[in-house]
Amino acid sequence: MLRAMADWWDAVELWLTQLPFGFQVVLATVVLVPLCWGTAVLSDRVVDAATARIAARRAARQD
C-alpha cells in the first residue's frame, strides 16, 4: 500500500515538474491558496476555543 502511494506521488511529481512554469504557478496557486486558507481558519478556531476555555477557567476561579 505504501509503495503504491509512493509510486503515485512520484508520477504526480514528475507530471508537475514537466509542466511549463506558468501552469505550475497557476496549479500551485489553485491548490495552495485554499489549503492555506483552510489551515488558517482551522487554527483560528482552535485558538479561539482554547482561549475561551482558559477565560472560563479564570472566571470560575475568581468567583
C-alpha atoms as a PDB file:
ATOM      1  CA  MET A   1       0.000   0.000   0.000  1.00  0.00           C
ATOM      2  CA  LEU A   2       2.729   2.452   0.968  1.00  0.00           C
ATOM      3  CA  ARG A   3       4.765   1.587  -2.119  1.00  0.00           C
ATOM      4  CA  ALA A   4       1.764   2.202  -4.387  1.00  0.00           C
ATOM      5  CA  MET A   5       1.213   5.587  -2.761  1.00  0.00           C
ATOM      6  CA  ALA A   6       4.882   6.496  -3.206  1.00  0.00           C
ATOM      7  CA  ASP A   7       4.755   5.448  -6.863  1.00  0.00           C
ATOM      8  CA  TRP A   8       1.621   7.556  -7.393  1.00  0.00           C
ATOM      9  CA  TRP A   9       3.253  10.553  -5.737  1.00  0.00           C
ATOM     10  CA  ASP A  10       6.360  10.143  -7.903  1.00  0.00           C
ATOM     11  CA  ALA A  11       4.184  10.106 -11.027  1.00  0.00           C
ATOM     12  CA  VAL A  12       2.350  13.259  -9.941  1.00  0.00           C
ATOM     13  CA  GLU A  13       5.621  14.985  -9.107  1.00  0.00           C
ATOM     14  CA  LEU A  14       7.104  14.049 -12.474  1.00  0.00           C
ATOM     15  CA  TRP A  15       3.997  15.304 -14.281  1.00  0.00           C
ATOM     16  CA  LEU A  16       4.089  18.573 -12.348  1.00  0.00           C
ATOM     17  CA  THR A  17       7.767  19.237 -12.977  1.00  0.00           C
ATOM     18  CA  GLN A  18       7.308  18.696 -16.702  1.00  0.00           C
ATOM     19  CA  LEU A  19       4.617  21.376 -16.980  1.00  0.00           C
ATOM     20  CA  PRO A  20       5.585  24.850 -18.197  1.00  0.00           C
ATOM     21  CA  PHE A  21       6.376  27.272 -15.374  1.00  0.00           C
ATOM     22  CA  GLY A  22       3.205  29.339 -15.831  1.00  0.00           C
ATOM     23  CA  PHE A  23       0.997  26.277 -15.432  1.00  0.00           C
ATOM     24  CA  GLN A  24       2.989  25.230 -12.375  1.00  0.00           C
ATOM     25  CA  VAL A  25       2.347  28.602 -10.761  1.00  0.00           C
ATOM     26  CA  VAL A  26      -1.371  28.527 -11.569  1.00  0.00           C
ATOM     27  CA  LEU A  27      -1.754  24.960 -10.341  1.00  0.00           C
ATOM     28  CA  ALA A  28       0.184  25.656  -7.157  1.00  0.00           C
ATOM     29  CA  THR A  29      -1.948  28.748  -6.527  1.00  0.00           C
ATOM     30  CA  VAL A  30      -5.195  26.879  -7.114  1.00  0.00           C
ATOM     31  CA  VAL A  31      -4.114  24.168  -4.676  1.00  0.00           C
ATOM     32  CA  LEU A  32      -2.187  26.165  -2.070  1.00  0.00           C
ATOM     33  CA  VAL A  33      -4.485  29.155  -1.580  1.00  0.00           C
ATOM     34  CA  PRO A  34      -7.488  27.063  -0.454  1.00  0.00           C
ATOM     35  CA  LEU A  35      -5.225  24.776   1.574  1.00  0.00           C
ATOM     36  CA  CYS A  36      -3.593  27.702   3.380  1.00  0.00           C
ATOM     37  CA  TRP A  37      -6.964  29.392   3.893  1.00  0.00           C
ATOM     38  CA  GLY A  38      -8.412  26.213   5.403  1.00  0.00           C
ATOM     39  CA  THR A  39      -5.405  25.800   7.673  1.00  0.00           C
ATOM     40  CA  ALA A  40      -5.735  29.411   8.841  1.00  0.00           C
ATOM     41  CA  VAL A  41      -9.456  29.008   9.557  1.00  0.00           C
ATOM     42  CA  LEU A  42      -8.864  25.768  11.447  1.00  0.00           C
ATOM     43  CA  SER A  43      -6.031  27.194  13.546  1.00  0.00           C
ATOM     44  CA  ASP A  44      -8.114  30.314  14.275  1.00  0.00           C
ATOM     45  CA  ARG A  45     -10.986  28.175  15.569  1.00  0.00           C
ATOM     46  CA  VAL A  46      -8.653  26.054  17.696  1.00  0.00           C
ATOM     47  CA  VAL A  47      -7.054  29.140  19.242  1.00  0.00           C
ATOM     48  CA  ASP A  48     -10.466  30.739  19.854  1.00  0.00           C
ATOM     49  CA  ALA A  49     -11.713  27.582  21.572  1.00  0.00           C
ATOM     50  CA  ALA A  50      -8.581  27.338  23.702  1.00  0.00           C
ATOM     51  CA  THR A  51      -8.740  30.964  24.809  1.00  0.00           C
ATOM     52  CA  ALA A  52     -12.459  30.635  25.594  1.00  0.00           C
ATOM     53  CA  ARG A  53     -11.721  27.650  27.839  1.00  0.00           C
ATOM     54  CA  ILE A  54      -8.888  29.479  29.563  1.00  0.00           C
ATOM     55  CA  ALA A  55     -11.069  32.543  30.106  1.00  0.00           C
ATOM     56  CA  ALA A  56     -13.874  30.376  31.517  1.00  0.00           C
ATOM     57  CA  ARG A  57     -11.492  28.679  33.943  1.00  0.00           C
ATOM     58  CA  ARG A  58     -10.110  32.022  35.104  1.00  0.00           C
ATOM     59  CA  ALA A  59     -13.615  33.385  35.588  1.00  0.00           C
ATOM     60  CA  ALA A  60     -14.588  30.278  37.581  1.00  0.00           C
ATOM     61  CA  ARG A  61     -11.522  30.633  39.810  1.00  0.00           C
ATOM     62  CA  GLN A  62     -12.268  34.278  40.585  1.00  0.00           C
ATOM     63  CA  ASP A  63     -15.831  33.516  41.683  1.00  0.00           C
END
